[in-house]
Amino acid sequence: MAKQDENSQGITVKLKPDTLGYIGDIPITNSLTSSLLGSIILIVLLLLVSARLKMIPGKVQSLFELVVEKGYAFTLETLDGNEKVARKVFPLIASLFVFILFFNLIKFIPGYESTFFGDYHLLKPLHADLNMTLALGITAFIAIQIAGVAVLGFWKYGSKFINIKKPLTIPIGLIELIAEVAKLFSLSLRLFINIFVGGVLLLLVNSLSHFVLPVPILLFEIFIAFLQAGVFALLTLMYVKLATDEPH
């Protein structure tokens, strides 16, 4: 969390979320309040949208259906036309994109980061908390491994990393295994760093000029919000593609 220090007229940068209180021994942080509030809003929005779906779509529904169709077509093409895998993977890819994009954009609501609970911010941008981005990375990582095992089988998928029938390839396989685990951290840290640094940049620019400079920076941050959601979803899809390819 980055905030302006009123006493020193400087900027304080905090990586750790603030603890607002406790329920028993469970700490309630401002990133947790963000996740709960944002999840409720997102669920309500999705329920309202689903309730308005019609057999004969209007212009807005047609636009969303076109986006979904294009997204699925891209997923199918990336997976070399494997419709069975595409049907199972696409809901996850789409869900990751929508979830990340929503929580990237919700922080731009006026008052989101300026509401206080005692001495602390009540809400913290969710993806500026490494715990959340790590959870997303773990989710994607597990899905990738499940896809690889489901398509190739446990032993064939495992042979990508450790193939006892070809001892000379074991060192290469271990490097591949390390690279596979590194995907978890690359997905998590990329999202965290971009969102966190973006928040610091907005605060820094706002401290220099309250009117002129923040507007283009704000628009750039909105663009980055879409870009990071797309990159995370796309990388997850590409890793699924690599996991389901036949071992060489």
Protein backbone atom coordinates (compact mmCIF):
# COMPACT_ATOMS: atom_id res chain seq x y z
CA MET A 1 0.00 0.00 0.00
CA ALA A 2 1.29 3.46 -0.86
CA LYS A 3 -0.03 6.53 0.88
CA GLN A 4 0.92 10.14 1.36
CA ASP A 5 2.32 11.00 4.78
CA GLU A 6 0.56 14.17 5.91
CA ASN A 7 3.13 14.95 8.61
CA SER A 8 6.26 14.66 6.47
CA GLN A 9 4.64 15.52 3.15
CA GLY A 10 6.26 12.38 1.78
CA ILE A 11 5.06 9.06 0.40
CA THR A 12 5.03 5.90 2.50
CA VAL A 13 5.16 2.58 0.67
CA LYS A 14 3.98 -0.54 2.52
CA LEU A 15 4.02 -4.02 1.01
CA LYS A 16 2.16 -5.63 3.91
CA PRO A 17 -1.62 -5.11 4.19
CA ASP A 18 -2.87 -3.33 7.31
CA THR A 19 -4.63 -5.35 10.01
CA LEU A 20 -7.95 -3.71 10.86
CA GLY A 21 -8.90 -6.12 13.64
CA TYR A 22 -9.32 -9.77 14.58
CA ILE A 23 -12.06 -12.36 14.63
CA GLY A 24 -10.71 -14.76 17.21
CA ASP A 25 -7.12 -15.35 16.10
CA ILE A 26 -7.88 -14.54 12.44
CA PRO A 27 -6.56 -11.13 11.34
CA ILE A 28 -8.88 -9.01 9.22
CA THR A 29 -6.75 -7.04 6.77
CA ASN A 30 -7.75 -4.30 4.35
CA SER A 31 -6.98 -6.60 1.42
CA LEU A 32 -9.41 -9.14 2.91
CA THR A 33 -12.15 -6.50 3.15
CA SER A 34 -11.43 -5.61 -0.48
CA SER A 35 -11.78 -9.23 -1.57
CA LEU A 36 -15.04 -9.71 0.35
CA LEU A 37 -16.63 -6.47 -0.85
CA GLY A 38 -15.42 -6.91 -4.42
CA SER A 39 -16.56 -10.54 -4.56
CA ILE A 40 -20.05 -9.58 -3.38
CA ILE A 41 -20.27 -6.81 -6.00
CA LEU A 42 -18.96 -9.11 -8.75
CA ILE A 43 -21.39 -11.92 -7.86
CA VAL A 44 -24.34 -9.50 -7.79
CA LEU A 45 -23.33 -8.03 -11.16
CA LEU A 46 -23.00 -11.48 -12.73
CA LEU A 47 -26.40 -12.53 -11.34
CA LEU A 48 -28.01 -9.37 -12.71
CA VAL A 49 -26.39 -9.90 -16.11
CA SER A 50 -27.41 -13.58 -16.26
CA ALA A 51 -30.98 -12.68 -15.33
CA ARG A 52 -31.17 -10.31 -18.32
CA LEU A 53 -29.98 -12.85 -20.89
CA LYS A 54 -32.48 -13.41 -23.72
CA MET A 55 -32.86 -15.97 -26.48
CA ILE A 56 -32.94 -13.11 -28.98
CA PRO A 57 -30.00 -10.98 -27.86
CA GLY A 58 -29.92 -7.22 -27.94
CA LYS A 59 -26.91 -5.15 -28.99
CA VAL A 60 -25.10 -5.35 -25.64
CA GLN A 61 -25.70 -9.09 -25.24
CA SER A 62 -24.63 -9.67 -28.84
CA LEU A 63 -21.38 -7.81 -28.17
CA PHE A 64 -20.61 -9.93 -25.10
CA GLU A 65 -21.49 -13.12 -26.96
CA LEU A 66 -19.15 -12.08 -29.77
CA VAL A 67 -16.33 -11.50 -27.27
CA VAL A 68 -16.93 -14.93 -25.71
CA GLU A 69 -17.05 -16.61 -29.13
CA LYS A 70 -13.80 -14.95 -30.21
CA GLY A 71 -12.18 -15.89 -26.92
CA TYR A 72 -13.22 -19.51 -27.24
CA ALA A 73 -12.14 -19.63 -30.89
CA PHE A 74 -8.70 -18.29 -29.90
CA THR A 75 -8.46 -20.88 -27.11
CA LEU A 76 -9.41 -23.67 -29.50
CA GLU A 77 -6.89 -22.50 -32.08
CA THR A 78 -4.12 -22.23 -29.47
CA LEU A 79 -4.83 -25.79 -28.34
CA ASP A 80 -4.52 -27.06 -31.93
CA GLY A 81 -8.25 -27.66 -32.32
CA ASN A 82 -8.53 -29.97 -29.28
CA GLU A 83 -12.15 -29.16 -28.51
CA LYS A 84 -12.33 -31.50 -25.51
CA VAL A 85 -9.54 -29.63 -23.71
CA ALA A 86 -10.70 -26.20 -24.92
CA ARG A 87 -14.20 -26.70 -23.46
CA LYS A 88 -12.71 -27.49 -20.06
CA VAL A 89 -9.96 -24.87 -20.06
CA PHE A 90 -11.83 -21.89 -21.51
CA PRO A 91 -14.09 -21.31 -18.45
CA LEU A 92 -10.99 -21.10 -16.24
CA ILE A 93 -9.18 -18.74 -18.63
CA ALA A 94 -12.24 -16.50 -18.93
CA SER A 95 -12.82 -16.53 -15.16
CA LEU A 96 -9.22 -15.52 -14.47
CA PHE A 97 -9.49 -12.67 -16.96
CA VAL A 98 -12.79 -11.36 -15.56
CA PHE A 99 -11.70 -11.73 -11.92
CA ILE A 100 -8.36 -9.98 -12.40
CA LEU A 101 -9.81 -7.24 -14.60
CA PHE A 102 -12.65 -6.52 -12.17
CA PHE A 103 -10.36 -6.15 -9.17
CA ASN A 104 -7.90 -4.12 -11.24
CA LEU A 105 -10.64 -1.65 -12.20
CA ILE A 106 -12.59 -1.46 -8.94
CA LYS A 107 -9.75 0.47 -7.30
CA PHE A 108 -10.52 3.42 -9.60
CA ILE A 109 -13.92 3.95 -7.95
CA PRO A 110 -13.79 7.36 -6.19
CA GLY A 111 -13.18 6.91 -2.47
CA TYR A 112 -11.98 3.31 -2.80
CA GLU A 113 -8.51 4.02 -1.41
CA SER A 114 -9.42 7.11 0.61
CA THR A 115 -11.85 5.46 3.06
CA PHE A 116 -10.31 4.92 6.49
CA PHE A 117 -11.06 2.56 9.37
CA GLY A 118 -9.34 4.16 12.33
CA ASP A 119 -5.78 4.93 11.25
CA TYR A 120 -5.74 2.51 8.31
CA HIS A 121 -7.18 2.35 4.81
CA LEU A 122 -10.34 0.25 4.86
CA LEU A 123 -9.69 -1.14 1.38
CA LYS A 124 -6.44 -2.12 -0.35
CA PRO A 125 -6.12 -2.91 -4.09
CA LEU A 126 -6.39 -6.68 -4.04
CA HIS A 127 -3.67 -7.46 -6.54
CA ALA A 128 -1.24 -5.17 -4.70
CA ASP A 129 -1.24 -7.92 -2.05
CA LEU A 130 1.27 -10.65 -2.91
CA ASN A 131 -0.88 -13.21 -1.06
CA MET A 132 -3.67 -12.74 -3.61
CA THR A 133 -1.49 -12.87 -6.71
CA LEU A 134 0.28 -15.92 -5.29
CA ALA A 135 -3.11 -17.60 -4.78
CA LEU A 136 -3.99 -16.87 -8.42
CA GLY A 137 -0.63 -18.22 -9.51
CA ILE A 138 -1.15 -21.43 -7.50
CA THR A 139 -4.63 -21.83 -9.00
CA ALA A 140 -3.29 -21.48 -12.53
CA PHE A 141 -0.31 -23.75 -11.77
CA ILE A 142 -2.52 -26.55 -10.42
CA ALA A 143 -4.87 -26.24 -13.40
CA ILE A 144 -1.90 -26.51 -15.78
CA GLN A 145 -0.65 -29.69 -14.11
CA ILE A 146 -4.14 -31.22 -14.07
CA ALA A 147 -4.55 -30.46 -17.78
CA GLY A 148 -1.20 -32.07 -18.59
CA VAL A 149 -1.99 -35.23 -16.60
CA ALA A 150 -5.56 -35.43 -17.94
CA VAL A 151 -4.47 -35.24 -21.59
CA LEU A 152 -1.22 -37.22 -21.52
CA GLY A 153 -1.65 -39.44 -18.48
CA PHE A 154 0.40 -39.29 -15.28
CA TRP A 155 3.42 -41.28 -16.45
CA LYS A 156 3.75 -39.68 -19.87
CA TYR A 157 3.38 -36.19 -18.41
CA GLY A 158 5.88 -37.01 -15.68
CA SER A 159 8.35 -38.25 -18.30
CA LYS A 160 8.72 -34.63 -19.45
CA PHE A 161 10.65 -34.02 -16.25
CA ILE A 162 12.06 -37.39 -15.16
CA ASN A 163 12.47 -40.12 -17.76
CA ILE A 164 14.25 -43.10 -16.20
CA LYS A 165 14.29 -44.85 -19.58
CA LYS A 166 16.64 -42.12 -20.85
CA PRO A 167 19.07 -41.38 -17.97
CA LEU A 168 21.02 -38.85 -20.01
CA THR A 169 17.94 -36.62 -20.23
CA ILE A 170 17.40 -36.50 -16.44
CA PRO A 171 19.46 -33.28 -15.90
CA ILE A 172 17.50 -31.56 -18.68
CA GLY A 173 14.29 -32.86 -17.15
CA LEU A 174 15.21 -31.41 -13.75
CA ILE A 175 15.82 -28.03 -15.38
CA GLU A 176 12.41 -28.31 -17.01
CA LEU A 177 10.90 -29.13 -13.60
CA ILE A 178 12.48 -26.04 -12.06
CA ALA A 179 11.22 -23.95 -14.98
CA GLU A 180 7.73 -25.40 -14.48
CA VAL A 181 7.66 -24.37 -10.81
CA ALA A 182 9.05 -20.95 -11.77
CA LYS A 183 5.89 -20.35 -13.81
CA LEU A 184 3.95 -20.11 -10.55
CA PHE A 185 6.13 -17.28 -9.27
CA SER A 186 6.41 -15.51 -12.63
CA LEU A 187 2.61 -15.33 -12.94
CA SER A 188 2.22 -14.10 -9.36
CA LEU A 189 5.04 -11.56 -9.27
CA ARG A 190 4.31 -10.07 -12.70
CA LEU A 191 0.75 -9.17 -11.70
CA PHE A 192 1.73 -8.00 -8.22
CA ILE A 193 4.59 -5.76 -9.34
CA ASN A 194 2.63 -4.07 -12.14
CA ILE A 195 -0.39 -3.30 -9.97
CA PHE A 196 1.65 -2.22 -6.94
CA VAL A 197 3.99 0.00 -8.94
CA GLY A 198 1.00 1.47 -10.78
CA GLY A 199 -0.56 2.51 -7.48
CA VAL A 200 2.70 4.13 -6.34
CA LEU A 201 3.01 5.93 -9.69
CA LEU A 202 -0.51 7.35 -9.43
CA LEU A 203 0.13 8.60 -5.92
CA LEU A 204 3.47 10.13 -6.90
CA VAL A 205 2.02 11.93 -9.92
CA ASN A 206 -0.99 13.09 -7.90
CA SER A 207 1.36 14.58 -5.30
CA LEU A 208 3.02 16.64 -8.05
CA SER A 209 -0.16 17.82 -9.77
CA HIS A 210 -3.72 17.25 -8.59
CA PHE A 211 -5.40 18.09 -11.89
CA VAL A 212 -3.45 17.84 -15.15
CA LEU A 213 -0.93 15.00 -14.96
CA PRO A 214 -3.05 12.33 -13.15
CA VAL A 215 -5.58 12.11 -16.02
CA PRO A 216 -3.31 10.56 -18.70
CA ILE A 217 -1.59 8.43 -16.04
CA LEU A 218 -5.01 7.22 -14.88
CA LEU A 219 -5.97 6.29 -18.44
CA PHE A 220 -2.66 4.49 -18.82
CA GLU A 221 -3.30 2.55 -15.59
CA ILE A 222 -6.74 1.50 -16.87
CA PHE A 223 -5.05 0.24 -20.02
CA ILE A 224 -2.53 -1.65 -17.85
CA ALA A 225 -5.44 -3.17 -15.89
CA PHE A 226 -6.83 -4.70 -19.10
CA LEU A 227 -3.36 -5.65 -20.30
CA GLN A 228 -2.36 -7.47 -17.10
CA ALA A 229 -5.63 -9.42 -16.97
CA GLY A 230 -5.11 -10.45 -20.59
CA VAL A 231 -1.44 -11.35 -20.08
CA PHE A 232 -2.20 -13.53 -17.05
CA ALA A 233 -4.99 -15.36 -18.87
CA LEU A 234 -2.93 -15.72 -22.06
CA LEU A 235 0.13 -17.05 -20.24
CA THR A 236 -2.03 -19.57 -18.40
CA LEU A 237 -3.45 -20.73 -21.73
CA MET A 238 0.01 -21.01 -23.29
CA TYR A 239 1.29 -23.00 -20.31
CA VAL A 240 -1.69 -25.35 -20.67
CA LYS A 241 -0.76 -25.77 -24.34
CA LEU A 242 2.83 -26.66 -23.40
CA ALA A 243 1.64 -29.04 -20.69
CA THR A 244 -0.65 -30.95 -23.06
CA ASP A 245 1.91 -31.28 -25.87
CA GLU A 246 3.41 -34.72 -26.37
CA PRO A 247 6.85 -35.13 -24.76
CA HIS A 248 9.79 -35.21 -27.17
